[in-house]
Amino acid sequence: MSDITMAAFSNAEDPLLAGLWGEIARRVDAYGRVEAAYAETLVTTASQYLVRRYGCQRQVPRVRGGLALWQRRRVGELSVTSDLLGPRCRWLL
């Protein structure tokens, strides 16, 4: 996620978020507290909703690259680790 389309402190009204926070307030008024699992579920729901409703994903250009087929074959033919270590350290292999 890269951008959120709703500006911070915009005072925009969203009925779903108002309902979720209202439910938390109702539970506090009725029972004096909100159970941790219940609050976590409501916050997770609100988070997912915010990202899906107000988030916008940028298109990331596809990057081409990597080794050509002949280069991959050549790497497979070589013993890269023994070539990098040199003749004195081949006993480490």
C-alpha atoms as a PDB file:
ATOM      1  CA  MET A   1       0.000   0.000   0.000  1.00  0.00           C
ATOM      2  CA  SER A   2       1.492   3.291  -0.964  1.00  0.00           C
ATOM      3  CA  ASP A   3      -1.127   6.031  -0.726  1.00  0.00           C
ATOM      4  CA  ILE A   4      -4.370   6.737   1.066  1.00  0.00           C
ATOM      5  CA  THR A   5      -6.895   8.787  -0.888  1.00  0.00           C
ATOM      6  CA  MET A   6      -8.610  10.293   2.162  1.00  0.00           C
ATOM      7  CA  ALA A   7      -6.779  13.281   3.602  1.00  0.00           C
ATOM      8  CA  ALA A   8      -5.941  13.165   7.292  1.00  0.00           C
ATOM      9  CA  PHE A   9      -8.272  15.197   9.522  1.00  0.00           C
ATOM     10  CA  SER A  10     -10.685  15.734   6.646  1.00  0.00           C
ATOM     11  CA  ASN A  11     -13.791  15.205   8.814  1.00  0.00           C
ATOM     12  CA  ALA A  12     -15.174  12.897   6.143  1.00  0.00           C
ATOM     13  CA  GLU A  13     -18.080  10.788   7.346  1.00  0.00           C
ATOM     14  CA  ASP A  14     -18.017   7.060   6.858  1.00  0.00           C
ATOM     15  CA  PRO A  15     -21.023   5.101   8.145  1.00  0.00           C
ATOM     16  CA  LEU A  16     -19.146   1.821   8.612  1.00  0.00           C
ATOM     17  CA  LEU A  17     -16.387   3.382  10.715  1.00  0.00           C
ATOM     18  CA  ALA A  18     -18.951   5.349  12.708  1.00  0.00           C
ATOM     19  CA  GLY A  19     -20.789   2.086  13.381  1.00  0.00           C
ATOM     20  CA  LEU A  20     -17.643   0.294  14.505  1.00  0.00           C
ATOM     21  CA  TRP A  21     -16.598   3.068  16.886  1.00  0.00           C
ATOM     22  CA  GLY A  22     -20.203   3.388  18.057  1.00  0.00           C
ATOM     23  CA  GLU A  23     -20.202  -0.305  18.915  1.00  0.00           C
ATOM     24  CA  ILE A  24     -17.081   0.152  21.016  1.00  0.00           C
ATOM     25  CA  ALA A  25     -18.714   3.088  22.830  1.00  0.00           C
ATOM     26  CA  ARG A  26     -21.896   1.057  23.366  1.00  0.00           C
ATOM     27  CA  ARG A  27     -19.930  -1.823  24.911  1.00  0.00           C
ATOM     28  CA  VAL A  28     -18.056   0.538  27.211  1.00  0.00           C
ATOM     29  CA  ASP A  29     -21.329   2.167  28.315  1.00  0.00           C
ATOM     30  CA  ALA A  30     -23.040  -1.185  28.873  1.00  0.00           C
ATOM     31  CA  TYR A  31     -20.231  -3.202  30.470  1.00  0.00           C
ATOM     32  CA  GLY A  32     -17.617  -0.629  31.460  1.00  0.00           C
ATOM     33  CA  ARG A  33     -15.041  -2.198  29.201  1.00  0.00           C
ATOM     34  CA  VAL A  34     -14.469  -3.953  25.878  1.00  0.00           C
ATOM     35  CA  GLU A  35     -13.056  -7.464  25.779  1.00  0.00           C
ATOM     36  CA  ALA A  36      -9.620  -7.583  24.143  1.00  0.00           C
ATOM     37  CA  ALA A  37     -10.607 -10.145  21.483  1.00  0.00           C
ATOM     38  CA  TYR A  38     -13.723  -8.153  20.573  1.00  0.00           C
ATOM     39  CA  ALA A  39     -11.818  -4.873  20.329  1.00  0.00           C
ATOM     40  CA  GLU A  40      -9.063  -6.522  18.282  1.00  0.00           C
ATOM     41  CA  THR A  41     -11.641  -7.884  15.848  1.00  0.00           C
ATOM     42  CA  LEU A  42     -13.260  -4.463  15.413  1.00  0.00           C
ATOM     43  CA  VAL A  43      -9.908  -2.729  14.925  1.00  0.00           C
ATOM     44  CA  THR A  44      -8.780  -5.368  12.405  1.00  0.00           C
ATOM     45  CA  THR A  45     -12.033  -4.923  10.510  1.00  0.00           C
ATOM     46  CA  ALA A  46     -11.613  -1.137  10.503  1.00  0.00           C
ATOM     47  CA  SER A  47      -7.999  -1.417   9.318  1.00  0.00           C
ATOM     48  CA  GLN A  48      -8.854  -3.726   6.442  1.00  0.00           C
ATOM     49  CA  TYR A  49     -11.795  -1.552   5.471  1.00  0.00           C
ATOM     50  CA  LEU A  50      -9.684   1.625   5.465  1.00  0.00           C
ATOM     51  CA  VAL A  51      -7.068   0.067   3.212  1.00  0.00           C
ATOM     52  CA  ARG A  52      -9.612  -1.377   0.798  1.00  0.00           C
ATOM     53  CA  ARG A  53     -11.876   1.672   0.733  1.00  0.00           C
ATOM     54  CA  TYR A  54      -9.383   4.521   0.807  1.00  0.00           C
ATOM     55  CA  GLY A  55      -6.119   2.936  -0.230  1.00  0.00           C
ATOM     56  CA  CYS A  56      -4.821   3.104  -3.766  1.00  0.00           C
ATOM     57  CA  GLN A  57      -2.067   0.983  -5.181  1.00  0.00           C
ATOM     58  CA  ARG A  58       0.385   2.404  -7.632  1.00  0.00           C
ATOM     59  CA  GLN A  59       1.202   0.367 -10.677  1.00  0.00           C
ATOM     60  CA  VAL A  60       4.771  -0.778 -10.322  1.00  0.00           C
ATOM     61  CA  PRO A  61       6.491  -1.165 -13.675  1.00  0.00           C
ATOM     62  CA  ARG A  62       7.653  -4.664 -14.404  1.00  0.00           C
ATOM     63  CA  VAL A  63      11.407  -4.865 -14.232  1.00  0.00           C
ATOM     64  CA  ARG A  64      13.095  -7.060 -16.758  1.00  0.00           C
ATOM     65  CA  GLY A  65      16.464  -8.436 -16.078  1.00  0.00           C
ATOM     66  CA  GLY A  66      18.321 -11.381 -14.791  1.00  0.00           C
ATOM     67  CA  LEU A  67      20.628 -13.726 -16.570  1.00  0.00           C
ATOM     68  CA  ALA A  68      20.174 -14.841 -20.145  1.00  0.00           C
ATOM     69  CA  LEU A  69      19.611 -18.535 -20.734  1.00  0.00           C
ATOM     70  CA  TRP A  70      23.190 -19.097 -21.909  1.00  0.00           C
ATOM     71  CA  GLN A  71      24.464 -17.356 -18.756  1.00  0.00           C
ATOM     72  CA  ARG A  72      22.372 -19.568 -16.506  1.00  0.00           C
ATOM     73  CA  ARG A  73      23.689 -22.645 -18.293  1.00  0.00           C
ATOM     74  CA  ARG A  74      27.271 -21.428 -17.885  1.00  0.00           C
ATOM     75  CA  VAL A  75      26.796 -20.850 -14.145  1.00  0.00           C
ATOM     76  CA  GLY A  76      25.435 -24.365 -13.857  1.00  0.00           C
ATOM     77  CA  GLU A  77      28.542 -25.728 -15.561  1.00  0.00           C
ATOM     78  CA  LEU A  78      30.979 -23.936 -13.271  1.00  0.00           C
ATOM     79  CA  SER A  79      31.832 -24.750  -9.746  1.00  0.00           C
ATOM     80  CA  VAL A  80      31.408 -21.190  -8.579  1.00  0.00           C
ATOM     81  CA  THR A  81      32.416 -21.725  -4.967  1.00  0.00           C
ATOM     82  CA  SER A  82      35.667 -23.521  -5.767  1.00  0.00           C
ATOM     83  CA  ASP A  83      36.598 -20.834  -8.308  1.00  0.00           C
ATOM     84  CA  LEU A  84      35.976 -18.081  -5.770  1.00  0.00           C
ATOM     85  CA  LEU A  85      37.926 -19.750  -2.991  1.00  0.00           C
ATOM     86  CA  GLY A  86      41.013 -20.438  -5.069  1.00  0.00           C
ATOM     87  CA  PRO A  87      43.349 -23.438  -4.998  1.00  0.00           C
ATOM     88  CA  ARG A  88      44.580 -22.969  -1.415  1.00  0.00           C
ATOM     89  CA  CYS A  89      41.120 -23.147   0.129  1.00  0.00           C
ATOM     90  CA  ARG A  90      39.573 -26.009  -1.828  1.00  0.00           C
ATOM     91  CA  TRP A  91      39.984 -28.267   1.180  1.00  0.00           C
ATOM     92  CA  LEU A  92      37.133 -26.260   2.808  1.00  0.00           C
ATOM     93  CA  LEU A  93      34.622 -27.680   0.363  1.00  0.00           C
END
